[in-house]
């Protein structure tokens, strides 16, 4: 991000269900990071797969953010100058940039199925990411034509054998060699849906976002996105990845766990109670207390956030527990 430029942050959830407490924590930190600098906030709904993301969840998400006092300057159903703000409505925009990469010989058709990829090599990372061998990159035109008669191809982006590094706002210097870490990666699925890696770069660049705050589970995605920023000639934003909220047993929160979604939490807590608990969990308060989002702005600092994932108290799963004073 250019020095001295006004911060434009964003919250870009996937509306595939009701937000859980981890989603709220991410929204809060992204909002505080932008607002503490006098910056703007964009709300983008990442509903690339509309079958998994019915509009009712997007509407609920906006209502939950308003209930928490986390406002935004543009995006969502309110629209704005850089819309549309729903990824399901931006396919033509992604196609334009995909074709640009394709015309430069940087994208090739891949006919590998998910089963074939996993059978060919064990997952490379703990998250199940497979190191792609590049098997379809060297197919001849005749071989591609023959395979295309049987299966629709996905689109893969050729990656260089070189290191990409950046300075994360919380975790510091992070570096990755794309060829060694993931290999050529998908930018379009075989069903025609554009992949997250391409869509998120195009969206953030065209919406003027210059600060990206999200969970640390996406840290390894950032070098891939920086590579796309550079290929498309977009300025790179700053990135801040934050620790994940975990259940008391150390497992990750899920939208399938209804105990900590906003539907259940709004029945048990006030916005000030919930924000106080999250601010304490994130190191912004010495203990939980009633607090509004606006009152947290002067307390925010990246240096206060923990780097380790945060285990939530068991009392959150108890109907009469975790009340703040």
Foldseek 3Di string as FASTA:
>chain_A
DDPPDQAEFEQEEALLFFAFLQSVLLLLQRLLVRVLRVHFYEYAHEPLPCVSHPCVSLVNNVVLCVQLVRDGDAARPRHDDLDDRYLVPCLVVLVVLVVVCVVVVFKDWDLDDPVNQCVVDPQPDPVRAGADPCVRVPDDPVRVVVSCVPAQTFMWGAFDQDKDWDQAQQPGIDIDGCNVRHGTDTQAHSVGRGDPLSSVLSSCQSVVHQEYEEACVCVVSVSVNVVSCVVVVGDHHHYYHAAGEAEQVRHGDDSVPVLRGPVNVVVQDRSQLSVQLSCCQQQLDVHRAGDGSVRSSVSDDSVRGDRYHGYDDPQSSPRPGSGHD
